[in-house]
PDB file of all heavy atoms in Angstrom:
ATOM      1  N   GLY A   1       4.391 106.374 149.295  1.00  0.00           N
ATOM      2  CA  GLY A   1       5.768 106.726 149.084  1.00  0.00           C
ATOM      3  C   GLY A   1       6.199 107.623 150.321  1.00  0.00           C
ATOM      4  O   GLY A   1       7.329 107.330 150.792  1.00  0.00           O
ATOM      5  N   ALA A   2       5.365 108.530 150.730  1.00  0.00           N
ATOM      6  CA  ALA A   2       5.715 109.288 151.852  1.00  0.00           C
ATOM      7  C   ALA A   2       5.818 108.461 153.166  1.00  0.00           C
ATOM      8  O   ALA A   2       6.649 108.628 154.042  1.00  0.00           O
ATOM      9  CB  ALA A   2       4.738 110.362 152.097  1.00  0.00           C
ATOM     10  N   LEU A   3       5.009 107.340 153.271  1.00  0.00           N
ATOM     11  CA  LEU A   3       5.009 106.534 154.432  1.00  0.00           C
ATOM     12  C   LEU A   3       6.277 105.802 154.500  1.00  0.00           C
ATOM     13  O   LEU A   3       6.998 105.724 155.482  1.00  0.00           O
ATOM     14  CB  LEU A   3       3.765 105.591 154.356  1.00  0.00           C
ATOM     15  CG  LEU A   3       3.616 104.557 155.462  1.00  0.00           C
ATOM     16  CD1 LEU A   3       3.376 105.255 156.753  1.00  0.00           C
ATOM     17  CD2 LEU A   3       2.634 103.494 155.126  1.00  0.00           C
ATOM     18  N   ILE A   4       6.787 105.194 153.343  1.00  0.00           N
ATOM     19  CA  ILE A   4       7.914 104.363 153.328  1.00  0.00           C
ATOM     20  C   ILE A   4       9.090 105.257 153.552  1.00  0.00           C
ATOM     21  O   ILE A   4      10.037 104.916 154.333  1.00  0.00           O
ATOM     22  CB  ILE A   4       8.041 103.577 152.018  1.00  0.00           C
ATOM     23  CG1 ILE A   4       6.936 102.535 151.901  1.00  0.00           C
ATOM     24  CG2 ILE A   4       9.451 103.047 151.762  1.00  0.00           C
ATOM     25  CD1 ILE A   4       6.770 101.777 150.502  1.00  0.00           C
ATOM     26  N   GLN A   5       9.067 106.447 153.016  1.00  0.00           N
ATOM     27  CA  GLN A   5      10.172 107.433 153.272  1.00  0.00           C
ATOM     28  C   GLN A   5      10.349 107.767 154.656  1.00  0.00           C
ATOM     29  O   GLN A   5      11.411 107.961 155.143  1.00  0.00           O
ATOM     30  CB  GLN A   5       9.855 108.635 152.313  1.00  0.00           C
ATOM     31  CG  GLN A   5      10.973 109.763 152.325  1.00  0.00           C
ATOM     32  CD  GLN A   5      10.481 110.906 151.433  1.00  0.00           C
ATOM     33  OE1 GLN A   5       9.665 110.834 150.827  1.00  0.00           O
ATOM     34  NE2 GLN A   5      11.467 111.788 151.400  1.00  0.00           N
ATOM     35  N   GLU A   6       9.185 107.933 155.369  1.00  0.00           N
ATOM     36  CA  GLU A   6       9.255 108.560 156.704  1.00  0.00           C
ATOM     37  C   GLU A   6       9.383 107.478 157.869  1.00  0.00           C
ATOM     38  O   GLU A   6       9.997 107.733 158.902  1.00  0.00           O
ATOM     39  CB  GLU A   6       8.000 109.292 157.010  1.00  0.00           C
ATOM     40  CG  GLU A   6       7.728 110.530 156.203  1.00  0.00           C
ATOM     41  CD  GLU A   6       8.860 111.542 156.391  1.00  0.00           C
ATOM     42  OE1 GLU A   6       9.278 111.819 157.602  1.00  0.00           O
ATOM     43  OE2 GLU A   6       9.148 112.230 155.504  1.00  0.00           O
ATOM     44  N   VAL A   7       8.921 106.182 157.614  1.00  0.00           N
ATOM     45  CA  VAL A   7       8.904 105.333 158.665  1.00  0.00           C
ATOM     46  C   VAL A   7       9.842 104.081 158.583  1.00  0.00           C
ATOM     47  O   VAL A   7       9.790 103.297 159.465  1.00  0.00           O
ATOM     48  CB  VAL A   7       7.441 104.781 159.032  1.00  0.00           C
ATOM     49  CG1 VAL A   7       6.595 106.102 159.402  1.00  0.00           C
ATOM     50  CG2 VAL A   7       6.990 104.022 157.954  1.00  0.00           C
ATOM     51  N   TRP A   8      10.641 103.919 157.611  1.00  0.00           N
ATOM     52  CA  TRP A   8      11.414 102.692 157.378  1.00  0.00           C
ATOM     53  C   TRP A   8      12.312 102.453 158.563  1.00  0.00           C
ATOM     54  O   TRP A   8      12.530 101.421 159.124  1.00  0.00           O
ATOM     55  CB  TRP A   8      12.110 102.642 156.153  1.00  0.00           C
ATOM     56  CG  TRP A   8      13.225 103.640 155.933  1.00  0.00           C
ATOM     57  CD1 TRP A   8      13.279 104.833 155.471  1.00  0.00           C
ATOM     58  CD2 TRP A   8      14.687 103.317 156.264  1.00  0.00           C
ATOM     59  NE1 TRP A   8      14.513 105.540 155.542  1.00  0.00           N
ATOM     60  CE2 TRP A   8      15.334 104.470 156.054  1.00  0.00           C
ATOM     61  CE3 TRP A   8      15.246 102.219 156.779  1.00  0.00           C
ATOM     62  CZ2 TRP A   8      16.724 104.525 156.250  1.00  0.00           C
ATOM     63  CZ3 TRP A   8      16.693 102.286 156.900  1.00  0.00           C
ATOM     64  CH2 TRP A   8      17.390 103.444 156.697  1.00  0.00           C
ATOM     65  N   MET A   9      13.026 103.557 159.010  1.00  0.00           N
ATOM     66  CA  MET A   9      14.049 103.446 160.122  1.00  0.00           C
ATOM     67  C   MET A   9      13.256 103.036 161.397  1.00  0.00           C
ATOM     68  O   MET A   9      13.706 102.280 162.188  1.00  0.00           O
ATOM     69  CB  MET A   9      14.861 104.647 160.274  1.00  0.00           C
ATOM     70  CG  MET A   9      15.853 104.582 161.318  1.00  0.00           C
ATOM     71  SD  MET A   9      17.006 103.234 160.947  1.00  0.00           S
ATOM     72  CE  MET A   9      18.417 103.955 160.410  1.00  0.00           C
ATOM     73  N   PHE A  10      12.107 103.695 161.637  1.00  0.00           N
ATOM     74  CA  PHE A  10      11.254 103.371 162.807  1.00  0.00           C
ATOM     75  C   PHE A  10      10.930 101.916 162.811  1.00  0.00           C
ATOM     76  O   PHE A  10      10.970 101.222 163.891  1.00  0.00           O
ATOM     77  CB  PHE A  10      10.065 104.234 162.932  1.00  0.00           C
ATOM     78  CG  PHE A  10       9.285 104.106 164.152  1.00  0.00           C
ATOM     79  CD1 PHE A  10       9.689 104.493 165.300  1.00  0.00           C
ATOM     80  CD2 PHE A  10       7.993 103.382 164.004  1.00  0.00           C
ATOM     81  CE1 PHE A  10       8.902 104.195 166.528  1.00  0.00           C
ATOM     82  CE2 PHE A  10       7.315 103.193 165.136  1.00  0.00           C
ATOM     83  CZ  PHE A  10       7.688 103.597 166.361  1.00  0.00           C
ATOM     84  N   CYS A  11      10.522 101.253 161.687  1.00  0.00           N
ATOM     85  CA  CYS A  11      10.116  99.944 161.743  1.00  0.00           C
ATOM     86  C   CYS A  11      11.394  98.983 162.051  1.00  0.00           C
ATOM     87  O   CYS A  11      11.259  98.107 162.740  1.00  0.00           O
ATOM     88  CB  CYS A  11       9.610  99.642 160.260  1.00  0.00           C
ATOM     89  SG  CYS A  11       8.009 100.263 159.903  1.00  0.00           S
ATOM     90  N   CYS A  12      12.475  99.307 161.368  1.00  0.00           N
ATOM     91  CA  CYS A  12      13.739  98.586 161.780  1.00  0.00           C
ATOM     92  C   CYS A  12      14.000  98.662 163.375  1.00  0.00           C
ATOM     93  O   CYS A  12      14.312  97.684 163.837  1.00  0.00           O
ATOM     94  CB  CYS A  12      14.827  99.165 161.045  1.00  0.00           C
ATOM     95  SG  CYS A  12      14.801  98.832 159.149  1.00  0.00           S
ATOM     96  N   PHE A  13      13.858  99.740 163.834  1.00  0.00           N
ATOM     97  CA  PHE A  13      14.172 100.021 165.327  1.00  0.00           C
ATOM     98  C   PHE A  13      13.103  99.123 166.185  1.00  0.00           C
ATOM     99  O   PHE A  13      13.477  98.472 167.067  1.00  0.00           O
ATOM    100  CB  PHE A  13      13.988 101.426 165.635  1.00  0.00           C
ATOM    101  CG  PHE A  13      14.325 101.751 167.179  1.00  0.00           C
ATOM    102  CD1 PHE A  13      15.555 101.628 167.676  1.00  0.00           C
ATOM    103  CD2 PHE A  13      13.333 102.042 167.940  1.00  0.00           C
ATOM    104  CE1 PHE A  13      15.805 101.898 169.024  1.00  0.00           C
ATOM    105  CE2 PHE A  13      13.437 102.375 169.275  1.00  0.00           C
ATOM    106  CZ  PHE A  13      14.744 102.266 169.819  1.00  0.00           C
ATOM    107  N   CYS A  14      11.768  99.163 165.710  1.00  0.00           N
ATOM    108  CA  CYS A  14      10.947  98.304 166.468  1.00  0.00           C
ATOM    109  C   CYS A  14      11.036  96.942 166.347  1.00  0.00           C
ATOM    110  O   CYS A  14      10.979  96.138 167.411  1.00  0.00           O
ATOM    111  CB  CYS A  14       9.505  98.719 165.851  1.00  0.00           C
ATOM    112  SG  CYS A  14       8.838 100.218 166.364  1.00  0.00           S
ATOM    113  N   VAL A  15      11.528  96.369 165.263  1.00  0.00           N
ATOM    114  CA  VAL A  15      11.787  94.947 165.196  1.00  0.00           C
ATOM    115  C   VAL A  15      12.978  94.582 165.990  1.00  0.00           C
ATOM    116  O   VAL A  15      12.962  93.645 166.658  1.00  0.00           O
ATOM    117  CB  VAL A  15      12.032  94.620 163.667  1.00  0.00           C
ATOM    118  CG1 VAL A  15      12.734  93.159 163.601  1.00  0.00           C
ATOM    119  CG2 VAL A  15      10.788  94.693 162.865  1.00  0.00           C
ATOM    120  N   PHE A  16      14.014  95.497 166.022  1.00  0.00           N
ATOM    121  CA  PHE A  16      15.197  95.269 166.774  1.00  0.00           C
ATOM    122  C   PHE A  16      14.790  95.256 168.312  1.00  0.00           C
ATOM    123  O   PHE A  16      15.122  94.367 169.079  1.00  0.00           O
ATOM    124  CB  PHE A  16      16.282  96.372 166.567  1.00  0.00           C
ATOM    125  CG  PHE A  16      17.379  96.246 167.545  1.00  0.00           C
ATOM    126  CD1 PHE A  16      18.323  95.287 167.381  1.00  0.00           C
ATOM    127  CD2 PHE A  16      17.464  97.150 168.642  1.00  0.00           C
ATOM    128  CE1 PHE A  16      19.395  95.195 168.332  1.00  0.00           C
ATOM    129  CE2 PHE A  16      18.529  97.028 169.379  1.00  0.00           C
ATOM    130  CZ  PHE A  16      19.462  96.074 169.391  1.00  0.00           C
ATOM    131  N   ILE A  17      14.004  96.121 168.797  1.00  0.00           N
ATOM    132  CA  ILE A  17      13.548  96.234 170.212  1.00  0.00           C
ATOM    133  C   ILE A  17      12.815  95.031 170.573  1.00  0.00           C
ATOM    134  O   ILE A  17      12.875  94.452 171.624  1.00  0.00           O
ATOM    135  CB  ILE A  17      12.820  97.530 170.409  1.00  0.00           C
ATOM    136  CG1 ILE A  17      13.757  98.735 170.308  1.00  0.00           C
ATOM    137  CG2 ILE A  17      12.154  97.491 171.780  1.00  0.00           C
ATOM    138  CD1 ILE A  17      14.897  98.763 171.375  1.00  0.00           C
ATOM    139  N   LEU A  18      11.834  94.597 169.680  1.00  0.00           N
ATOM    140  CA  LEU A  18      11.020  93.342 169.981  1.00  0.00           C
ATOM    141  C   LEU A  18      11.907  92.144 170.077  1.00  0.00           C
ATOM    142  O   LEU A  18      11.650  91.397 170.891  1.00  0.00           O
ATOM    143  CB  LEU A  18       9.895  93.105 168.909  1.00  0.00           C
ATOM    144  CG  LEU A  18       8.760  94.250 168.936  1.00  0.00           C
ATOM    145  CD1 LEU A  18       7.873  93.986 167.709  1.00  0.00           C
ATOM    146  CD2 LEU A  18       8.037  94.100 170.223  1.00  0.00           C
ATOM    147  N   VAL A  19      12.889  92.022 169.254  1.00  0.00           N
ATOM    148  CA  VAL A  19      13.676  90.803 169.402  1.00  0.00           C
ATOM    149  C   VAL A  19      14.601  90.922 170.585  1.00  0.00           C
ATOM    150  O   VAL A  19      14.788  90.018 171.289  1.00  0.00           O
ATOM    151  CB  VAL A  19      14.501  90.694 168.018  1.00  0.00           C
ATOM    152  CG1 VAL A  19      15.466  89.627 168.221  1.00  0.00           C
ATOM    153  CG2 VAL A  19      13.531  90.379 166.926  1.00  0.00           C
ATOM    154  N   TYR A  20      15.195  92.123 170.848  1.00  0.00           N
ATOM    155  CA  TYR A  20      16.098  92.292 171.845  1.00  0.00           C
ATOM    156  C   TYR A  20      15.454  91.993 173.220  1.00  0.00           C
ATOM    157  O   TYR A  20      16.037  91.352 174.106  1.00  0.00           O
ATOM    158  CB  TYR A  20      16.702  93.701 171.809  1.00  0.00           C
ATOM    159  CG  TYR A  20      17.714  93.897 172.921  1.00  0.00           C
ATOM    160  CD1 TYR A  20      18.968  93.354 172.832  1.00  0.00           C
ATOM    161  CD2 TYR A  20      17.392  94.778 174.015  1.00  0.00           C
ATOM    162  CE1 TYR A  20      19.952  93.631 173.847  1.00  0.00           C
ATOM    163  CE2 TYR A  20      18.336  94.973 175.036  1.00  0.00           C
ATOM    164  CZ  TYR A  20      19.634  94.467 174.858  1.00  0.00           C
ATOM    165  OH  TYR A  20      20.518  94.608 175.940  1.00  0.00           O
ATOM    166  N   THR A  21      14.219  92.508 173.441  1.00  0.00           N
ATOM    167  CA  THR A  21      13.585  92.499 174.731  1.00  0.00           C
ATOM    168  C   THR A  21      12.861  91.121 174.905  1.00  0.00           C
ATOM    169  O   THR A  21      12.296  90.909 175.918  1.00  0.00           O
ATOM    170  CB  THR A  21      12.608  93.638 174.884  1.00  0.00           C
ATOM    171  OG1 THR A  21      11.700  93.600 173.946  1.00  0.00           O
ATOM    172  CG2 THR A  21      13.328  94.922 175.029  1.00  0.00           C
ATOM    173  N   LYS A  22      12.816  90.313 173.767  1.00  0.00           N
ATOM    174  CA  LYS A  22      12.145  89.073 173.769  1.00  0.00           C
ATOM    175  C   LYS A  22      10.604  89.306 174.069  1.00  0.00           C
ATOM    176  O   LYS A  22       9.947  88.323 174.723  1.00  0.00           O
ATOM    177  CB  LYS A  22      12.786  88.086 174.719  1.00  0.00           C
ATOM    178  CG  LYS A  22      14.086  87.706 174.315  1.00  0.00           C
ATOM    179  CD  LYS A  22      14.828  86.868 175.327  1.00  0.00           C
ATOM    180  CE  LYS A  22      16.217  86.687 174.904  1.00  0.00           C
ATOM    181  NZ  LYS A  22      17.145  86.285 175.942  1.00  0.00           N
ATOM    182  N   ALA A  23      10.096  90.346 173.598  1.00  0.00           N
ATOM    183  CA  ALA A  23       8.680  90.807 173.972  1.00  0.00           C
ATOM    184  C   ALA A  23       7.683  89.960 172.899  1.00  0.00           C
ATOM    185  O   ALA A  23       6.600  89.994 173.123  1.00  0.00           O
ATOM    186  CB  ALA A  23       8.455  92.188 173.698  1.00  0.00           C
ATOM    187  N   ILE A  24       8.327  89.370 171.900  1.00  0.00           N
ATOM    188  CA  ILE A  24       7.464  88.692 170.993  1.00  0.00           C
ATOM    189  C   ILE A  24       7.812  87.234 171.043  1.00  0.00           C
ATOM    190  O   ILE A  24       8.927  86.731 171.191  1.00  0.00           O
ATOM    191  CB  ILE A  24       7.721  89.155 169.599  1.00  0.00           C
ATOM    192  CG1 ILE A  24       6.653  88.590 168.537  1.00  0.00           C
ATOM    193  CG2 ILE A  24       9.042  88.878 169.118  1.00  0.00           C
ATOM    194  CD1 ILE A  24       6.340  89.514 167.430  1.00  0.00           C
ATOM    195  N   GLN A  25       6.740  86.419 170.985  1.00  0.00           N
ATOM    196  CA  GLN A  25       6.747  85.024 171.089  1.00  0.00           C
ATOM    197  C   GLN A  25       6.865  84.405 169.607  1.00  0.00           C
ATOM    198  O   GLN A  25       6.354  84.987 168.733  1.00  0.00           O
ATOM    199  CB  GLN A  25       5.622  84.311 171.920  1.00  0.00           C
ATOM    200  CG  GLN A  25       5.794  84.872 173.388  1.00  0.00           C
ATOM    201  CD  GLN A  25       4.371  84.882 173.965  1.00  0.00           C
ATOM    202  OE1 GLN A  25       3.366  84.683 173.330  1.00  0.00           O
ATOM    203  NE2 GLN A  25       4.361  85.332 175.222  1.00  0.00           N
TER     204      GLN A  25
END
């Protein structure tokens, strides 16, 4: 519960950055 509460926005940001920079194949 604490993990989801604390890191959900960070996960969204990481996915956005990976897609935006085309760092993931």
